[in-house]
Amino acid sequence: MKKATFTQGYDLTPEGDQTLVSFRSDGISWAGYIVFPLIFTGLSTLFGTPFWPLPLVLILGVGYLIYLMFQRQTFTLTPDGIIKNGAEYERDKISEVLIDNPMDKEVTISGGPSMIIGGTGAAGASMAVMGAMANATTSAALGANMAIARSSAKRRFRVRIRYGSKVVTLGRNLKRDRAIAIFDLLTQE
């Protein structure tokens, strides 16, 4: 029988009376590994044109965003509160710890009924086929978009604290289980 691996979802490093909490972001969804190479390939065709700086800037910008999605995140627990980005938030003034997901919303797609105009003969039949193909392409694109959004939403959970009227993000780009583990750490007495 194989022993199960125990993973907390974060690392704790004691530093005197403080504890550094560190964890990795969960990165990008499977869709990113498909979509980003296609975008980069498409943009690379502009390198031989007068617009060559545009794809270079876009590729570098998107590359930096992807780099940030895999970075280690930290915050510090103190006896009196939480330190994040050099600011200390007093424990007594933290009204709640919450987990949210900015992409976890119901997606509503609406549209009018499609009308396919056709007639007798070759011209009418080809118009009917073109209308049906356009409708099928639109449906496929909407379905793919919804699948990518659902996949991305699985890695977009955030752990946040409410400090007065301000909401402070302690961790972002997390899978649900890692976010719950950090939430449990913050809400234990």
C-alpha atoms as a PDB file:
ATOM      1  CA  MET A   1       0.000   0.000   0.000  1.00  0.00           C
ATOM      2  CA  LYS A   2       1.291   3.433  -0.954  1.00  0.00           C
ATOM      3  CA  LYS A   3       1.278   6.248   1.614  1.00  0.00           C
ATOM      4  CA  ALA A   4      -0.548   9.402   0.659  1.00  0.00           C
ATOM      5  CA  THR A   5       1.476  12.578   0.240  1.00  0.00           C
ATOM      6  CA  PHE A   6       0.477  15.344   2.636  1.00  0.00           C
ATOM      7  CA  THR A   7       0.535  18.833   1.158  1.00  0.00           C
ATOM      8  CA  GLN A   8      -0.668  21.886   3.073  1.00  0.00           C
ATOM      9  CA  GLY A   9      -0.814  24.104  -0.005  1.00  0.00           C
ATOM     10  CA  TYR A  10       1.547  26.636   1.582  1.00  0.00           C
ATOM     11  CA  ASP A  11       4.840  26.781   3.477  1.00  0.00           C
ATOM     12  CA  LEU A  12       5.270  28.286   6.946  1.00  0.00           C
ATOM     13  CA  THR A  13       8.609  29.822   7.938  1.00  0.00           C
ATOM     14  CA  PRO A  14       8.922  31.058  11.553  1.00  0.00           C
ATOM     15  CA  GLU A  15      10.757  34.372  11.902  1.00  0.00           C
ATOM     16  CA  GLY A  16      10.830  35.167  15.617  1.00  0.00           C
ATOM     17  CA  ASP A  17       7.274  35.928  16.716  1.00  0.00           C
ATOM     18  CA  GLN A  18       6.150  36.187  13.084  1.00  0.00           C
ATOM     19  CA  THR A  19       5.415  33.487  10.516  1.00  0.00           C
ATOM     20  CA  LEU A  20       6.037  33.922   6.804  1.00  0.00           C
ATOM     21  CA  VAL A  21       3.348  32.191   4.725  1.00  0.00           C
ATOM     22  CA  SER A  22       4.456  31.448   1.154  1.00  0.00           C
ATOM     23  CA  PHE A  23       2.817  29.559  -1.700  1.00  0.00           C
ATOM     24  CA  ARG A  24       2.973  29.280  -5.465  1.00  0.00           C
ATOM     25  CA  SER A  25       0.309  30.540  -7.795  1.00  0.00           C
ATOM     26  CA  ASP A  26      -1.373  27.810  -9.798  1.00  0.00           C
ATOM     27  CA  GLY A  27      -0.526  29.405 -13.136  1.00  0.00           C
ATOM     28  CA  ILE A  28      -2.594  29.420 -16.281  1.00  0.00           C
ATOM     29  CA  SER A  29      -5.230  26.976 -17.418  1.00  0.00           C
ATOM     30  CA  TRP A  30      -4.839  24.421 -20.189  1.00  0.00           C
ATOM     31  CA  ALA A  31      -6.336  26.922 -22.600  1.00  0.00           C
ATOM     32  CA  GLY A  32      -3.343  29.211 -22.173  1.00  0.00           C
ATOM     33  CA  TYR A  33      -1.021  26.509 -23.413  1.00  0.00           C
ATOM     34  CA  ILE A  34      -3.071  26.327 -26.618  1.00  0.00           C
ATOM     35  CA  VAL A  35      -4.127  29.951 -27.142  1.00  0.00           C
ATOM     36  CA  PHE A  36      -0.856  31.774 -26.352  1.00  0.00           C
ATOM     37  CA  PRO A  37       1.308  29.843 -28.856  1.00  0.00           C
ATOM     38  CA  LEU A  38      -1.301  30.464 -31.552  1.00  0.00           C
ATOM     39  CA  ILE A  39      -1.333  34.187 -30.755  1.00  0.00           C
ATOM     40  CA  PHE A  40       2.477  34.347 -30.719  1.00  0.00           C
ATOM     41  CA  THR A  41       2.650  32.549 -34.058  1.00  0.00           C
ATOM     42  CA  GLY A  42       0.099  34.915 -35.574  1.00  0.00           C
ATOM     43  CA  LEU A  43       1.871  37.994 -34.240  1.00  0.00           C
ATOM     44  CA  SER A  44       5.274  36.788 -35.431  1.00  0.00           C
ATOM     45  CA  THR A  45       4.118  37.260 -39.028  1.00  0.00           C
ATOM     46  CA  LEU A  46       4.205  41.029 -38.413  1.00  0.00           C
ATOM     47  CA  PHE A  47       7.971  41.056 -37.691  1.00  0.00           C
ATOM     48  CA  GLY A  48       8.866  41.661 -41.339  1.00  0.00           C
ATOM     49  CA  THR A  49       6.521  44.649 -41.619  1.00  0.00           C
ATOM     50  CA  PRO A  50       6.744  48.272 -40.445  1.00  0.00           C
ATOM     51  CA  PHE A  51       4.531  47.245 -37.489  1.00  0.00           C
ATOM     52  CA  TRP A  52       7.242  44.970 -35.975  1.00  0.00           C
ATOM     53  CA  PRO A  53       7.379  46.786 -32.588  1.00  0.00           C
ATOM     54  CA  LEU A  54       3.704  46.015 -31.883  1.00  0.00           C
ATOM     55  CA  PRO A  55       4.006  42.206 -31.716  1.00  0.00           C
ATOM     56  CA  LEU A  56       7.281  42.522 -29.799  1.00  0.00           C
ATOM     57  CA  VAL A  57       5.659  44.671 -27.111  1.00  0.00           C
ATOM     58  CA  LEU A  58       2.585  42.419 -26.943  1.00  0.00           C
ATOM     59  CA  ILE A  59       4.647  39.230 -26.704  1.00  0.00           C
ATOM     60  CA  LEU A  60       6.870  40.693 -23.977  1.00  0.00           C
ATOM     61  CA  GLY A  61       3.834  41.988 -22.058  1.00  0.00           C
ATOM     62  CA  VAL A  62       1.954  38.694 -22.198  1.00  0.00           C
ATOM     63  CA  GLY A  63       5.152  36.798 -21.330  1.00  0.00           C
ATOM     64  CA  TYR A  64       5.611  38.967 -18.238  1.00  0.00           C
ATOM     65  CA  LEU A  65       1.989  38.356 -17.175  1.00  0.00           C
ATOM     66  CA  ILE A  66       2.481  34.599 -17.551  1.00  0.00           C
ATOM     67  CA  TYR A  67       5.709  34.874 -15.516  1.00  0.00           C
ATOM     68  CA  LEU A  68       3.775  36.644 -12.728  1.00  0.00           C
ATOM     69  CA  MET A  69       1.137  33.879 -12.704  1.00  0.00           C
ATOM     70  CA  PHE A  70       3.743  31.350 -11.531  1.00  0.00           C
ATOM     71  CA  GLN A  71       5.487  33.515  -8.928  1.00  0.00           C
ATOM     72  CA  ARG A  72       5.688  32.676  -5.251  1.00  0.00           C
ATOM     73  CA  GLN A  73       3.371  34.819  -3.144  1.00  0.00           C
ATOM     74  CA  THR A  74       3.880  35.686   0.514  1.00  0.00           C
ATOM     75  CA  PHE A  75       2.347  37.406   3.490  1.00  0.00           C
ATOM     76  CA  THR A  76       3.374  37.458   7.141  1.00  0.00           C
ATOM     77  CA  LEU A  77       1.298  36.495  10.163  1.00  0.00           C
ATOM     78  CA  THR A  78       2.125  38.455  13.320  1.00  0.00           C
ATOM     79  CA  PRO A  79       0.633  38.156  16.803  1.00  0.00           C
ATOM     80  CA  ASP A  80      -1.355  41.340  16.100  1.00  0.00           C
ATOM     81  CA  GLY A  81      -2.271  40.966  12.432  1.00  0.00           C
ATOM     82  CA  ILE A  82      -1.131  40.342   8.875  1.00  0.00           C
ATOM     83  CA  ILE A  83       1.615  42.069   6.895  1.00  0.00           C
ATOM     84  CA  LYS A  84       1.183  42.254   3.104  1.00  0.00           C
ATOM     85  CA  ASN A  85       3.247  44.468   0.772  1.00  0.00           C
ATOM     86  CA  GLY A  86       4.812  46.374   3.672  1.00  0.00           C
ATOM     87  CA  ALA A  87       1.496  47.295   5.337  1.00  0.00           C
ATOM     88  CA  GLU A  88       0.323  45.744   8.600  1.00  0.00           C
ATOM     89  CA  TYR A  89      -3.371  45.029   8.977  1.00  0.00           C
ATOM     90  CA  GLU A  90      -4.472  44.752  12.615  1.00  0.00           C
ATOM     91  CA  ARG A  91      -6.266  41.498  13.411  1.00  0.00           C
ATOM     92  CA  ASP A  92      -8.995  43.276  15.429  1.00  0.00           C
ATOM     93  CA  LYS A  93      -9.907  45.446  12.445  1.00  0.00           C
ATOM     94  CA  ILE A  94     -10.132  42.581   9.935  1.00  0.00           C
ATOM     95  CA  SER A  95     -13.879  42.011   9.656  1.00  0.00           C
ATOM     96  CA  GLU A  96     -13.754  38.938   7.396  1.00  0.00           C
ATOM     97  CA  VAL A  97     -11.575  36.575   5.415  1.00  0.00           C
ATOM     98  CA  LEU A  98     -13.063  35.644   2.071  1.00  0.00           C
ATOM     99  CA  ILE A  99     -12.450  33.552  -1.002  1.00  0.00           C
ATOM    100  CA  ASP A 100     -13.732  34.831  -4.302  1.00  0.00           C
ATOM    101  CA  ASN A 101     -13.293  34.210  -7.980  1.00  0.00           C
ATOM    102  CA  PRO A 102     -13.682  37.096 -10.434  1.00  0.00           C
ATOM    103  CA  MET A 103     -14.421  34.670 -13.301  1.00  0.00           C
ATOM    104  CA  ASP A 104     -16.968  32.488 -11.521  1.00  0.00           C
ATOM    105  CA  LYS A 105     -20.108  34.174 -12.763  1.00  0.00           C
ATOM    106  CA  GLU A 106     -22.979  32.827 -14.800  1.00  0.00           C
ATOM    107  CA  VAL A 107     -22.364  33.388 -18.482  1.00  0.00           C
ATOM    108  CA  THR A 108     -25.406  34.393 -20.454  1.00  0.00           C
ATOM    109  CA  ILE A 109     -25.297  34.359 -24.199  1.00  0.00           C
ATOM    110  CA  SER A 110     -28.315  35.738 -25.978  1.00  0.00           C
ATOM    111  CA  GLY A 111     -29.105  36.355 -29.583  1.00  0.00           C
ATOM    112  CA  GLY A 112     -31.952  36.455 -32.005  1.00  0.00           C
ATOM    113  CA  PRO A 113     -33.022  33.470 -34.037  1.00  0.00           C
ATOM    114  CA  SER A 114     -30.983  32.981 -37.174  1.00  0.00           C
ATOM    115  CA  MET A 115     -32.712  33.200 -40.523  1.00  0.00           C
ATOM    116  CA  ILE A 116     -31.488  31.089 -43.383  1.00  0.00           C
ATOM    117  CA  ILE A 117     -32.698  32.309 -46.712  1.00  0.00           C
ATOM    118  CA  GLY A 118     -32.695  29.821 -49.510  1.00  0.00           C
ATOM    119  CA  GLY A 119     -34.441  29.072 -52.695  1.00  0.00           C
ATOM    120  CA  THR A 120     -34.524  26.747 -55.601  1.00  0.00           C
ATOM    121  CA  GLY A 121     -31.529  26.246 -57.800  1.00  0.00           C
ATOM    122  CA  ALA A 122     -27.807  26.372 -57.155  1.00  0.00           C
ATOM    123  CA  ALA A 123     -27.741  29.967 -55.843  1.00  0.00           C
ATOM    124  CA  GLY A 124     -30.498  29.380 -53.293  1.00  0.00           C
ATOM    125  CA  ALA A 125     -28.973  26.124 -52.070  1.00  0.00           C
ATOM    126  CA  SER A 126     -25.533  27.712 -51.679  1.00  0.00           C
ATOM    127  CA  MET A 127     -27.024  30.604 -49.670  1.00  0.00           C
ATOM    128  CA  ALA A 128     -28.729  28.113 -47.354  1.00  0.00           C
ATOM    129  CA  VAL A 129     -25.454  26.179 -46.869  1.00  0.00           C
ATOM    130  CA  MET A 130     -23.508  29.411 -46.205  1.00  0.00           C
ATOM    131  CA  GLY A 131     -26.080  30.473 -43.592  1.00  0.00           C
ATOM    132  CA  ALA A 132     -25.938  27.085 -41.880  1.00  0.00           C
ATOM    133  CA  MET A 133     -22.112  27.110 -41.872  1.00  0.00           C
ATOM    134  CA  ALA A 134     -22.003  30.642 -40.417  1.00  0.00           C
ATOM    135  CA  ASN A 135     -24.411  29.588 -37.659  1.00  0.00           C
ATOM    136  CA  ALA A 136     -22.356  26.466 -36.884  1.00  0.00           C
ATOM    137  CA  THR A 137     -19.091  28.466 -36.788  1.00  0.00           C
ATOM    138  CA  THR A 138     -20.606  31.001 -34.396  1.00  0.00           C
ATOM    139  CA  SER A 139     -21.903  28.232 -32.121  1.00  0.00           C
ATOM    140  CA  ALA A 140     -18.503  26.493 -32.106  1.00  0.00           C
ATOM    141  CA  ALA A 141     -16.695  29.741 -31.255  1.00  0.00           C
ATOM    142  CA  LEU A 142     -19.107  30.477 -28.385  1.00  0.00           C
ATOM    143  CA  GLY A 143     -18.731  26.936 -27.055  1.00  0.00           C
ATOM    144  CA  ALA A 144     -14.927  27.138 -27.173  1.00  0.00           C
ATOM    145  CA  ASN A 145     -14.990  30.516 -25.457  1.00  0.00           C
ATOM    146  CA  MET A 146     -17.158  29.145 -22.633  1.00  0.00           C
ATOM    147  CA  ALA A 147     -14.853  26.110 -22.200  1.00  0.00           C
ATOM    148  CA  ILE A 148     -11.784  28.353 -21.972  1.00  0.00           C
ATOM    149  CA  ALA A 149     -13.538  30.638 -19.453  1.00  0.00           C
ATOM    150  CA  ARG A 150     -14.541  27.656 -17.266  1.00  0.00           C
ATOM    151  CA  SER A 151     -11.002  26.284 -17.402  1.00  0.00           C
ATOM    152  CA  SER A 152      -9.467  29.650 -16.500  1.00  0.00           C
ATOM    153  CA  ALA A 153     -11.933  30.144 -13.645  1.00  0.00           C
ATOM    154  CA  LYS A 154     -10.571  27.025 -11.928  1.00  0.00           C
ATOM    155  CA  ARG A 155      -7.259  28.842 -11.327  1.00  0.00           C
ATOM    156  CA  ARG A 156      -8.522  32.325 -10.491  1.00  0.00           C
ATOM    157  CA  PHE A 157      -9.519  32.007  -6.838  1.00  0.00           C
ATOM    158  CA  ARG A 158      -8.340  34.750  -4.497  1.00  0.00           C
ATOM    159  CA  VAL A 159      -7.948  34.861  -0.722  1.00  0.00           C
ATOM    160  CA  ARG A 160      -8.760  38.313   0.624  1.00  0.00           C
ATOM    161  CA  ILE A 161      -9.387  40.150   3.873  1.00  0.00           C
ATOM    162  CA  ARG A 162     -11.839  42.953   4.490  1.00  0.00           C
ATOM    163  CA  TYR A 163     -10.105  45.733   6.426  1.00  0.00           C
ATOM    164  CA  GLY A 164     -12.644  48.461   7.043  1.00  0.00           C
ATOM    165  CA  SER A 165     -13.908  49.562   3.637  1.00  0.00           C
ATOM    166  CA  LYS A 166     -10.848  48.134   1.872  1.00  0.00           C
ATOM    167  CA  VAL A 167     -10.442  44.596   0.527  1.00  0.00           C
ATOM    168  CA  VAL A 168      -6.826  43.370   0.525  1.00  0.00           C
ATOM    169  CA  THR A 169      -5.783  40.426  -1.642  1.00  0.00           C
ATOM    170  CA  LEU A 170      -3.400  38.025   0.117  1.00  0.00           C
ATOM    171  CA  GLY A 171      -3.249  35.414  -2.666  1.00  0.00           C
ATOM    172  CA  ARG A 172      -4.416  35.273  -6.272  1.00  0.00           C
ATOM    173  CA  ASN A 173      -4.452  32.864  -9.246  1.00  0.00           C
ATOM    174  CA  LEU A 174      -5.085  29.893  -6.979  1.00  0.00           C
ATOM    175  CA  LYS A 175      -6.972  26.664  -7.393  1.00  0.00           C
ATOM    176  CA  ARG A 176      -9.951  26.252  -5.082  1.00  0.00           C
ATOM    177  CA  ASP A 177      -8.282  23.735  -2.752  1.00  0.00           C
ATOM    178  CA  ARG A 178      -5.194  25.898  -2.164  1.00  0.00           C
ATOM    179  CA  ALA A 179      -7.419  28.934  -1.506  1.00  0.00           C
ATOM    180  CA  ILE A 180      -9.429  26.934   1.055  1.00  0.00           C
ATOM    181  CA  ALA A 181      -6.220  25.763   2.776  1.00  0.00           C
ATOM    182  CA  ILE A 182      -5.016  29.370   3.158  1.00  0.00           C
ATOM    183  CA  PHE A 183      -8.500  30.444   4.282  1.00  0.00           C
ATOM    184  CA  ASP A 184      -8.433  27.721   6.977  1.00  0.00           C
ATOM    185  CA  LEU A 185      -5.004  28.894   8.125  1.00  0.00           C
ATOM    186  CA  LEU A 186      -6.284  32.460   8.544  1.00  0.00           C
ATOM    187  CA  THR A 187      -9.536  31.531  10.287  1.00  0.00           C
ATOM    188  CA  GLN A 188      -8.138  29.032  12.839  1.00  0.00           C
ATOM    189  CA  GLU A 189      -8.178  30.244  16.397  1.00  0.00           C
END
